Structures are given as structure tokens and as C-alpha cells.
Amino acid sequence: GVTAVGTPGTVAQVLATLIENSLMHGAGTITLRVRPSGTSAVVEVQDEGAGVPADLGNRVFERAVSGRNSTGIGLAVARDLAEADGGRLELLSLKPAVFALFLGRSHQD
């Protein structure tokens, strides 16, 4: 029972981007996990693919950086949206690729 604070449309767009990236660049089952972390609620998106190439690392959030034949703006826009909504978007693991959306937790938790 973790309750996060965020704008529904914004959170949906960020998560949709992460899932679309997993479908396009990853492989296997996509897993979403929600967990508390200090004053944040964290939504993690992971797949079973080869992961993010080490040479890309956190550069995947830069505009025009893509691991494979895409525009390279999706993750940059998703990170901007998360930050504009008071959250943050991070790459927690290269392999397996684990992206995490950190949101404020509701005072109900």
C-alpha cells in the first residue's frame, strides 16, 4: 500500500514511455514494481532484454541519444515531465535495464 503524489496524466505519460522503450529496445517480460523509498514512492520498470549499453549509461536521457533507430527524445521528455511534476526519473541498472520514477509519497502512508 504505497500512495504516490503526481499528476495522473503526467505519471501515465512517463510510465507509457518507459513501457514503450522496454517493448522497443528490451525483450521478455516487462515487470513494474512499486515500493517506498524514504519520502518517495518508486515505480520501477524492468525488462529481460540485453540492457542499456554501458557506453550510453545515463546519456539515454539526453535528447537525440538512442540505443537503436529511434528519435532519442522519449526518455528526455519523460525525464522533463517527471521533474516538472516534482519527481525524478533515473536509470537504476544497466543490465537488466531498470528505470525508476520517483514520486512524492502521500501523507496517508
N, C-alpha and C. Protein backbone atom coordinates (compact mmCIF):
# COMPACT_ATOMS: atom_id res chain seq x y z
N GLY A 1 0.78 -1.18 0.00
CA GLY A 1 0.00 0.00 0.00
C GLY A 1 0.84 1.26 0.00
N VAL A 2 1.41 1.63 -1.12
CA VAL A 2 2.16 2.87 -1.26
C VAL A 2 1.33 3.81 -2.11
N THR A 3 1.12 5.01 -1.61
CA THR A 3 0.35 6.01 -2.35
C THR A 3 1.29 7.13 -2.78
N ALA A 4 1.30 7.40 -4.08
CA ALA A 4 2.19 8.41 -4.63
C ALA A 4 1.42 9.68 -4.96
N VAL A 5 2.15 10.79 -4.99
CA VAL A 5 1.58 12.08 -5.36
C VAL A 5 2.13 12.46 -6.73
N GLY A 6 1.24 12.70 -7.67
CA GLY A 6 1.66 13.10 -9.01
C GLY A 6 0.43 13.42 -9.84
N THR A 7 0.64 14.12 -10.93
CA THR A 7 -0.45 14.43 -11.84
C THR A 7 -0.73 13.19 -12.69
N PRO A 8 -1.96 12.67 -12.66
CA PRO A 8 -2.25 11.41 -13.35
C PRO A 8 -1.79 11.37 -14.81
N GLY A 9 -2.08 12.40 -15.59
CA GLY A 9 -1.68 12.39 -16.99
C GLY A 9 -0.18 12.37 -17.16
N THR A 10 0.52 13.09 -16.32
CA THR A 10 1.98 13.14 -16.39
C THR A 10 2.58 11.79 -16.02
N VAL A 11 2.14 11.23 -14.92
CA VAL A 11 2.65 9.93 -14.48
C VAL A 11 2.35 8.88 -15.54
N ALA A 12 1.16 8.91 -16.11
CA ALA A 12 0.79 7.95 -17.16
C ALA A 12 1.70 8.08 -18.37
N GLN A 13 2.01 9.31 -18.77
CA GLN A 13 2.88 9.54 -19.94
C GLN A 13 4.29 9.03 -19.68
N VAL A 14 4.82 9.30 -18.50
CA VAL A 14 6.17 8.84 -18.17
C VAL A 14 6.21 7.31 -18.17
N LEU A 15 5.24 6.68 -17.52
CA LEU A 15 5.23 5.22 -17.47
C LEU A 15 5.01 4.62 -18.86
N ALA A 16 4.16 5.25 -19.68
CA ALA A 16 3.95 4.77 -21.04
C ALA A 16 5.25 4.81 -21.83
N THR A 17 6.02 5.87 -21.65
CA THR A 17 7.31 5.98 -22.34
C THR A 17 8.26 4.87 -21.91
N LEU A 18 8.31 4.60 -20.61
CA LEU A 18 9.20 3.54 -20.12
C LEU A 18 8.77 2.17 -20.64
N ILE A 19 7.47 1.92 -20.67
CA ILE A 19 6.97 0.63 -21.17
C ILE A 19 7.22 0.52 -22.67
N GLU A 20 6.96 1.59 -23.41
CA GLU A 20 7.22 1.57 -24.86
C GLU A 20 8.70 1.31 -25.14
N ASN A 21 9.58 1.93 -24.36
CA ASN A 21 11.01 1.69 -24.54
C ASN A 21 11.37 0.24 -24.26
N SER A 22 10.76 -0.35 -23.25
CA SER A 22 11.01 -1.76 -22.96
C SER A 22 10.53 -2.64 -24.12
N LEU A 23 9.39 -2.30 -24.70
CA LEU A 23 8.87 -3.08 -25.82
C LEU A 23 9.75 -2.91 -27.06
N MET A 24 10.27 -1.71 -27.28
CA MET A 24 11.06 -1.43 -28.47
C MET A 24 12.51 -1.92 -28.34
N HIS A 25 13.12 -1.67 -27.19
CA HIS A 25 14.55 -1.93 -27.02
C HIS A 25 14.85 -3.14 -26.14
N GLY A 26 13.88 -3.59 -25.39
CA GLY A 26 14.10 -4.70 -24.47
C GLY A 26 13.59 -6.01 -25.03
N ALA A 27 13.35 -6.95 -24.15
CA ALA A 27 12.84 -8.26 -24.54
C ALA A 27 12.21 -8.92 -23.32
N GLY A 28 11.46 -9.96 -23.58
CA GLY A 28 10.88 -10.76 -22.49
C GLY A 28 9.79 -10.03 -21.74
N THR A 29 9.60 -10.44 -20.52
CA THR A 29 8.56 -9.90 -19.65
C THR A 29 8.96 -8.53 -19.12
N ILE A 30 7.99 -7.63 -19.13
CA ILE A 30 8.19 -6.31 -18.52
C ILE A 30 7.58 -6.36 -17.13
N THR A 31 8.37 -5.97 -16.13
CA THR A 31 7.92 -6.00 -14.75
C THR A 31 7.83 -4.58 -14.20
N LEU A 32 6.71 -4.25 -13.57
CA LEU A 32 6.55 -2.98 -12.88
C LEU A 32 6.46 -3.27 -11.39
N ARG A 33 7.25 -2.55 -10.60
CA ARG A 33 7.23 -2.70 -9.15
C ARG A 33 7.03 -1.32 -8.53
N VAL A 34 6.28 -1.29 -7.45
CA VAL A 34 6.10 -0.05 -6.69
C VAL A 34 6.60 -0.33 -5.28
N ARG A 35 7.44 0.59 -4.79
CA ARG A 35 7.99 0.40 -3.44
C ARG A 35 8.21 1.77 -2.80
N PRO A 36 8.19 1.79 -1.47
CA PRO A 36 8.53 3.04 -0.78
C PRO A 36 10.05 3.20 -0.73
N SER A 37 10.51 4.43 -0.71
CA SER A 37 11.94 4.72 -0.55
C SER A 37 12.04 6.07 0.15
N GLY A 38 12.22 6.06 1.45
CA GLY A 38 12.27 7.31 2.21
C GLY A 38 10.97 8.07 2.05
N THR A 39 11.06 9.29 1.57
CA THR A 39 9.86 10.11 1.38
C THR A 39 9.28 9.96 -0.02
N SER A 40 9.82 9.01 -0.79
CA SER A 40 9.36 8.81 -2.17
C SER A 40 8.64 7.48 -2.34
N ALA A 41 7.78 7.46 -3.36
CA ALA A 41 7.23 6.21 -3.88
C ALA A 41 7.96 5.99 -5.20
N VAL A 42 8.46 4.78 -5.41
CA VAL A 42 9.25 4.48 -6.60
C VAL A 42 8.51 3.47 -7.46
N VAL A 43 8.36 3.80 -8.74
CA VAL A 43 7.80 2.86 -9.71
C VAL A 43 8.95 2.44 -10.61
N GLU A 44 9.28 1.15 -10.57
CA GLU A 44 10.38 0.63 -11.37
C GLU A 44 9.83 -0.12 -12.58
N VAL A 45 10.47 0.06 -13.72
CA VAL A 45 10.11 -0.65 -14.94
C VAL A 45 11.36 -1.41 -15.40
N GLN A 46 11.22 -2.73 -15.55
CA GLN A 46 12.35 -3.59 -15.90
C GLN A 46 11.91 -4.57 -16.97
N ASP A 47 12.82 -4.92 -17.86
CA ASP A 47 12.53 -5.98 -18.82
C ASP A 47 13.67 -7.00 -18.79
N GLU A 48 13.58 -8.01 -19.64
CA GLU A 48 14.57 -9.09 -19.63
C GLU A 48 15.53 -9.02 -20.82
N GLY A 49 15.63 -7.86 -21.43
CA GLY A 49 16.49 -7.70 -22.60
C GLY A 49 17.95 -7.58 -22.25
N ALA A 50 18.75 -7.20 -23.23
CA ALA A 50 20.20 -7.10 -23.08
C ALA A 50 20.63 -5.93 -22.22
N GLY A 51 19.71 -5.02 -21.93
CA GLY A 51 20.03 -3.89 -21.08
C GLY A 51 20.48 -2.68 -21.87
N VAL A 52 20.89 -1.66 -21.16
CA VAL A 52 21.38 -0.42 -21.76
C VAL A 52 22.88 -0.55 -21.95
N PRO A 53 23.38 -0.31 -23.18
CA PRO A 53 24.83 -0.40 -23.40
C PRO A 53 25.59 0.51 -22.43
N ALA A 54 26.68 0.02 -21.91
CA ALA A 54 27.46 0.76 -20.92
C ALA A 54 27.90 2.13 -21.44
N ASP A 55 28.17 2.23 -22.75
CA ASP A 55 28.63 3.50 -23.28
C ASP A 55 27.51 4.54 -23.31
N LEU A 56 26.27 4.10 -23.18
CA LEU A 56 25.15 5.06 -23.13
C LEU A 56 24.86 5.51 -21.71
N GLY A 57 24.81 4.55 -20.79
CA GLY A 57 24.54 4.88 -19.38
C GLY A 57 23.45 5.93 -19.24
N ASN A 58 23.67 6.93 -18.40
CA ASN A 58 22.67 7.97 -18.18
C ASN A 58 22.53 8.93 -19.35
N ARG A 59 23.36 8.75 -20.39
CA ARG A 59 23.19 9.57 -21.59
C ARG A 59 21.87 9.27 -22.28
N VAL A 60 21.21 8.15 -21.94
CA VAL A 60 19.93 7.83 -22.57
C VAL A 60 18.89 8.91 -22.32
N PHE A 61 19.13 9.77 -21.32
CA PHE A 61 18.19 10.86 -21.03
C PHE A 61 18.49 12.12 -21.83
N GLU A 62 19.57 12.12 -22.60
CA GLU A 62 19.90 13.27 -23.43
C GLU A 62 19.11 13.21 -24.73
N ARG A 63 18.69 14.37 -25.20
CA ARG A 63 17.99 14.41 -26.49
C ARG A 63 18.90 13.92 -27.61
N ALA A 64 18.31 13.21 -28.54
CA ALA A 64 18.99 12.69 -29.73
C ALA A 64 19.94 11.53 -29.44
N VAL A 65 19.94 11.01 -28.22
CA VAL A 65 20.74 9.83 -27.91
C VAL A 65 19.80 8.64 -27.91
N SER A 66 20.12 7.65 -28.74
CA SER A 66 19.28 6.47 -28.85
C SER A 66 20.14 5.24 -28.97
N GLY A 67 19.67 4.17 -28.37
CA GLY A 67 20.39 2.91 -28.47
C GLY A 67 20.10 2.18 -29.76
N ARG A 68 19.00 2.55 -30.42
CA ARG A 68 18.62 1.82 -31.62
C ARG A 68 17.56 2.57 -32.42
N ASN A 69 17.88 3.05 -33.54
CA ASN A 69 16.95 3.57 -34.54
C ASN A 69 15.68 4.23 -34.00
N SER A 70 15.81 5.14 -33.08
CA SER A 70 14.66 5.92 -32.64
C SER A 70 15.09 7.38 -32.54
N THR A 71 14.15 8.25 -32.26
CA THR A 71 14.45 9.68 -32.24
C THR A 71 15.32 10.08 -31.07
N GLY A 72 15.26 9.32 -29.99
CA GLY A 72 16.07 9.66 -28.82
C GLY A 72 15.51 10.81 -28.02
N ILE A 73 14.22 11.13 -28.20
CA ILE A 73 13.64 12.20 -27.39
C ILE A 73 12.69 11.69 -26.30
N GLY A 74 12.27 10.44 -26.40
CA GLY A 74 11.29 9.90 -25.46
C GLY A 74 11.70 9.98 -24.01
N LEU A 75 12.89 9.47 -23.69
CA LEU A 75 13.34 9.48 -22.30
C LEU A 75 13.67 10.89 -21.83
N ALA A 76 14.16 11.73 -22.73
CA ALA A 76 14.44 13.13 -22.36
C ALA A 76 13.15 13.85 -21.98
N VAL A 77 12.11 13.66 -22.78
CA VAL A 77 10.82 14.29 -22.48
C VAL A 77 10.22 13.69 -21.21
N ALA A 78 10.33 12.37 -21.05
CA ALA A 78 9.80 11.72 -19.85
C ALA A 78 10.48 12.27 -18.60
N ARG A 79 11.81 12.45 -18.65
CA ARG A 79 12.52 13.00 -17.50
C ARG A 79 12.07 14.43 -17.22
N ASP A 80 11.93 15.24 -18.27
CA ASP A 80 11.44 16.61 -18.10
C ASP A 80 10.05 16.64 -17.47
N LEU A 81 9.17 15.76 -17.93
CA LEU A 81 7.81 15.69 -17.37
C LEU A 81 7.85 15.31 -15.90
N ALA A 82 8.65 14.31 -15.57
CA ALA A 82 8.75 13.86 -14.17
C ALA A 82 9.24 15.00 -13.28
N GLU A 83 10.27 15.71 -13.74
CA GLU A 83 10.82 16.80 -12.93
C GLU A 83 9.84 17.96 -12.81
N ALA A 84 9.11 18.26 -13.86
CA ALA A 84 8.11 19.34 -13.82
C ALA A 84 6.99 19.00 -12.84
N ASP A 85 6.79 17.71 -12.61
CA ASP A 85 5.73 17.26 -11.69
C ASP A 85 6.28 17.02 -10.27
N GLY A 86 7.54 17.41 -10.04
CA GLY A 86 8.12 17.25 -8.71
C GLY A 86 8.78 15.91 -8.46
N GLY A 87 8.89 15.09 -9.49
CA GLY A 87 9.52 13.77 -9.34
C GLY A 87 10.86 13.74 -10.02
N ARG A 88 11.36 12.53 -10.22
CA ARG A 88 12.60 12.37 -10.98
C ARG A 88 12.60 11.00 -11.63
N LEU A 89 13.31 10.90 -12.73
CA LEU A 89 13.42 9.66 -13.50
C LEU A 89 14.88 9.28 -13.55
N GLU A 90 15.19 8.04 -13.18
CA GLU A 90 16.57 7.58 -13.13
C GLU A 90 16.73 6.21 -13.75
N LEU A 91 17.92 5.93 -14.22
CA LEU A 91 18.31 4.60 -14.65
C LEU A 91 19.02 3.96 -13.47
N LEU A 92 18.41 2.94 -12.86
CA LEU A 92 18.99 2.31 -11.67
C LEU A 92 19.97 1.21 -12.01
N SER A 93 19.76 0.54 -13.14
CA SER A 93 20.60 -0.58 -13.52
C SER A 93 20.72 -0.65 -15.03
N LEU A 94 21.93 -0.91 -15.52
CA LEU A 94 22.14 -1.07 -16.96
C LEU A 94 21.66 -2.44 -17.45
N LYS A 95 22.01 -3.49 -16.69
CA LYS A 95 21.62 -4.84 -17.07
C LYS A 95 21.26 -5.64 -15.85
N PRO A 96 20.02 -5.99 -15.68
CA PRO A 96 18.92 -5.66 -16.58
C PRO A 96 18.62 -4.16 -16.50
N ALA A 97 18.04 -3.65 -17.56
CA ALA A 97 17.66 -2.24 -17.57
C ALA A 97 16.53 -2.04 -16.57
N VAL A 98 16.76 -1.15 -15.60
CA VAL A 98 15.73 -0.81 -14.62
C VAL A 98 15.65 0.71 -14.56
N PHE A 99 14.51 1.23 -14.99
CA PHE A 99 14.25 2.66 -14.90
C PHE A 99 13.31 2.88 -13.73
N ALA A 100 13.49 3.98 -13.01
CA ALA A 100 12.69 4.24 -11.83
C ALA A 100 12.14 5.66 -11.85
N LEU A 101 10.84 5.76 -11.61
CA LEU A 101 10.17 7.04 -11.46
C LEU A 101 9.96 7.26 -9.98
N PHE A 102 10.58 8.31 -9.44
CA PHE A 102 10.45 8.65 -8.04
C PHE A 102 9.40 9.75 -7.91
N LEU A 103 8.41 9.52 -7.06
CA LEU A 103 7.33 10.47 -6.82
C LEU A 103 7.21 10.71 -5.33
N GLY A 104 6.66 11.84 -4.95
CA GLY A 104 6.40 12.07 -3.53
C GLY A 104 5.37 11.09 -3.01
N ARG A 105 5.47 10.75 -1.73
CA ARG A 105 4.50 9.83 -1.12
C ARG A 105 3.40 10.63 -0.47
N SER A 106 2.22 10.07 -0.51
CA SER A 106 1.07 10.68 0.15
C SER A 106 1.25 10.57 1.67
N HIS A 107 0.71 11.52 2.37
CA HIS A 107 0.80 11.51 3.84
C HIS A 107 -0.04 10.40 4.45
N GLN A 108 -0.80 9.68 3.62
CA GLN A 108 -1.64 8.57 4.09
C GLN A 108 -0.81 7.34 4.41
N ASP A 109 0.42 7.24 3.83
CA ASP A 109 1.26 6.06 4.04
C ASP A 109 1.84 6.02 5.43
